[in-house]
Amino acid sequence: MKRYDGQRIYIRLLSVEDARDMLNLQIKNREVFKKITASERTEAFYTLEGQVALLEKWVQAREDGTRYSFGIFLRSTDELIGEVSMFEMS
């Protein structure tokens, strides 16, 4: 999968294979994200199955041309440290 490299980070499209890393990111930053996320997240969101479902939805949206979600990774460790998305509101 193509990635775009910076000096300390790189970004690439997220896939279902990133579910475990997304789960770790969500759990690690749960309190911070709670303050800035518009919707309330259920406990199911904080499970591997919940992250798989989310990423499957995002992959489908990418195939539909309505959302492009990228993971932000540290180059030195390949750790997922963030996510950024571009999407169409309907």
C-alpha atoms as a PDB file:
ATOM      1  CA  MET A   1       0.000   0.000   0.000  1.00  0.00           C
ATOM      2  CA  LYS A   2       1.317   3.416  -0.950  1.00  0.00           C
ATOM      3  CA  ARG A   3       2.462   5.642   1.874  1.00  0.00           C
ATOM      4  CA  TYR A   4       3.481   9.265   2.069  1.00  0.00           C
ATOM      5  CA  ASP A   5       6.590   9.934   4.135  1.00  0.00           C
ATOM      6  CA  GLY A   6       7.556  12.961   6.194  1.00  0.00           C
ATOM      7  CA  GLN A   7      10.638  13.367   8.376  1.00  0.00           C
ATOM      8  CA  ARG A   8       9.173  11.705  11.496  1.00  0.00           C
ATOM      9  CA  ILE A   9       5.827  10.340  10.348  1.00  0.00           C
ATOM     10  CA  TYR A  10       4.148   8.776   7.379  1.00  0.00           C
ATOM     11  CA  ILE A  11       0.518   8.430   6.364  1.00  0.00           C
ATOM     12  CA  ARG A  12      -1.241   5.717   4.426  1.00  0.00           C
ATOM     13  CA  LEU A  13      -4.796   4.610   3.838  1.00  0.00           C
ATOM     14  CA  LEU A  14      -6.206   2.588   6.716  1.00  0.00           C
ATOM     15  CA  SER A  15      -7.362  -0.983   6.151  1.00  0.00           C
ATOM     16  CA  VAL A  16      -9.128  -3.641   8.215  1.00  0.00           C
ATOM     17  CA  GLU A  17      -5.692  -5.040   9.088  1.00  0.00           C
ATOM     18  CA  ASP A  18      -5.143  -1.894  11.177  1.00  0.00           C
ATOM     19  CA  ALA A  19      -8.018  -2.746  13.554  1.00  0.00           C
ATOM     20  CA  ARG A  20      -5.833  -3.804  16.498  1.00  0.00           C
ATOM     21  CA  ASP A  21      -3.702  -0.658  16.194  1.00  0.00           C
ATOM     22  CA  MET A  22      -6.853   1.485  15.943  1.00  0.00           C
ATOM     23  CA  LEU A  23      -8.230  -0.187  19.059  1.00  0.00           C
ATOM     24  CA  ASN A  24      -5.019   0.557  20.958  1.00  0.00           C
ATOM     25  CA  LEU A  25      -5.112   4.181  19.782  1.00  0.00           C
ATOM     26  CA  GLN A  26      -8.758   4.585  20.801  1.00  0.00           C
ATOM     27  CA  ILE A  27      -8.269   3.035  24.236  1.00  0.00           C
ATOM     28  CA  LYS A  28      -5.046   4.937  24.932  1.00  0.00           C
ATOM     29  CA  ASN A  29      -6.673   8.268  24.042  1.00  0.00           C
ATOM     30  CA  ARG A  30     -10.241   7.538  25.154  1.00  0.00           C
ATOM     31  CA  GLU A  31     -10.556  10.504  27.543  1.00  0.00           C
ATOM     32  CA  VAL A  32      -9.106  12.979  25.056  1.00  0.00           C
ATOM     33  CA  PHE A  33     -11.307  11.749  22.205  1.00  0.00           C
ATOM     34  CA  LYS A  34     -14.381  11.833  24.463  1.00  0.00           C
ATOM     35  CA  LYS A  35     -13.941  15.600  24.785  1.00  0.00           C
ATOM     36  CA  ILE A  36     -13.680  16.277  21.055  1.00  0.00           C
ATOM     37  CA  THR A  37     -15.942  13.638  19.472  1.00  0.00           C
ATOM     38  CA  ALA A  38     -19.452  14.742  18.584  1.00  0.00           C
ATOM     39  CA  SER A  39     -21.103  11.345  19.027  1.00  0.00           C
ATOM     40  CA  GLU A  40     -21.113   9.151  22.098  1.00  0.00           C
ATOM     41  CA  ARG A  41     -19.217   5.889  21.714  1.00  0.00           C
ATOM     42  CA  THR A  42     -20.596   2.666  23.122  1.00  0.00           C
ATOM     43  CA  GLU A  43     -18.477   0.040  24.846  1.00  0.00           C
ATOM     44  CA  ALA A  44     -18.704  -2.036  21.637  1.00  0.00           C
ATOM     45  CA  PHE A  45     -16.647   0.671  19.912  1.00  0.00           C
ATOM     46  CA  TYR A  46     -13.756  -0.174  22.245  1.00  0.00           C
ATOM     47  CA  THR A  47     -13.489  -3.784  21.071  1.00  0.00           C
ATOM     48  CA  LEU A  48     -11.550  -5.366  18.251  1.00  0.00           C
ATOM     49  CA  GLU A  49     -14.837  -6.271  16.570  1.00  0.00           C
ATOM     50  CA  GLY A  50     -15.981  -2.661  16.852  1.00  0.00           C
ATOM     51  CA  GLN A  51     -12.831  -1.387  15.182  1.00  0.00           C
ATOM     52  CA  VAL A  52     -13.050  -4.027  12.441  1.00  0.00           C
ATOM     53  CA  ALA A  53     -16.631  -2.902  11.730  1.00  0.00           C
ATOM     54  CA  LEU A  54     -15.563   0.756  11.659  1.00  0.00           C
ATOM     55  CA  LEU A  55     -12.682   0.091   9.282  1.00  0.00           C
ATOM     56  CA  GLU A  56     -14.868  -2.087   7.046  1.00  0.00           C
ATOM     57  CA  LYS A  57     -17.286   0.835   6.825  1.00  0.00           C
ATOM     58  CA  TRP A  58     -14.461   3.236   5.989  1.00  0.00           C
ATOM     59  CA  VAL A  59     -13.034   0.894   3.333  1.00  0.00           C
ATOM     60  CA  GLN A  60     -16.479   0.612   1.734  1.00  0.00           C
ATOM     61  CA  ALA A  61     -16.836   4.396   1.812  1.00  0.00           C
ATOM     62  CA  ARG A  62     -13.446   4.714   0.111  1.00  0.00           C
ATOM     63  CA  GLU A  63     -14.584   2.297  -2.603  1.00  0.00           C
ATOM     64  CA  ASP A  64     -17.720   4.440  -2.972  1.00  0.00           C
ATOM     65  CA  GLY A  65     -15.554   7.568  -3.217  1.00  0.00           C
ATOM     66  CA  THR A  66     -17.111   9.243  -0.155  1.00  0.00           C
ATOM     67  CA  ARG A  67     -14.409   8.891   2.537  1.00  0.00           C
ATOM     68  CA  TYR A  68     -10.633   8.594   2.596  1.00  0.00           C
ATOM     69  CA  SER A  69      -9.202   7.695   6.020  1.00  0.00           C
ATOM     70  CA  PHE A  70      -5.474   7.762   6.627  1.00  0.00           C
ATOM     71  CA  GLY A  71      -3.452   6.470   9.546  1.00  0.00           C
ATOM     72  CA  ILE A  72      -0.627   8.632  10.883  1.00  0.00           C
ATOM     73  CA  PHE A  73       2.348   6.460  11.845  1.00  0.00           C
ATOM     74  CA  LEU A  74       5.718   7.092  13.460  1.00  0.00           C
ATOM     75  CA  ARG A  75       8.444   6.216  10.983  1.00  0.00           C
ATOM     76  CA  SER A  76      10.775   4.951  13.699  1.00  0.00           C
ATOM     77  CA  THR A  77       8.344   2.380  15.149  1.00  0.00           C
ATOM     78  CA  ASP A  78       5.403   2.102  12.711  1.00  0.00           C
ATOM     79  CA  GLU A  79       3.125   2.931  15.670  1.00  0.00           C
ATOM     80  CA  LEU A  80      -0.281   4.326  14.722  1.00  0.00           C
ATOM     81  CA  ILE A  81      -0.478   7.688  16.483  1.00  0.00           C
ATOM     82  CA  GLY A  82      -3.464   9.285  14.781  1.00  0.00           C
ATOM     83  CA  GLU A  83      -6.021   9.273  12.020  1.00  0.00           C
ATOM     84  CA  VAL A  84      -7.217  11.886   9.564  1.00  0.00           C
ATOM     85  CA  SER A  85     -10.127  11.593   7.175  1.00  0.00           C
ATOM     86  CA  MET A  86     -11.602  13.470   4.257  1.00  0.00           C
ATOM     87  CA  PHE A  87     -15.260  12.709   3.686  1.00  0.00           C
ATOM     88  CA  GLU A  88     -18.419  13.885   2.047  1.00  0.00           C
ATOM     89  CA  MET A  89     -21.259  14.973   4.311  1.00  0.00           C
ATOM     90  CA  SER A  90     -24.702  14.141   3.047  1.00  0.00           C
END
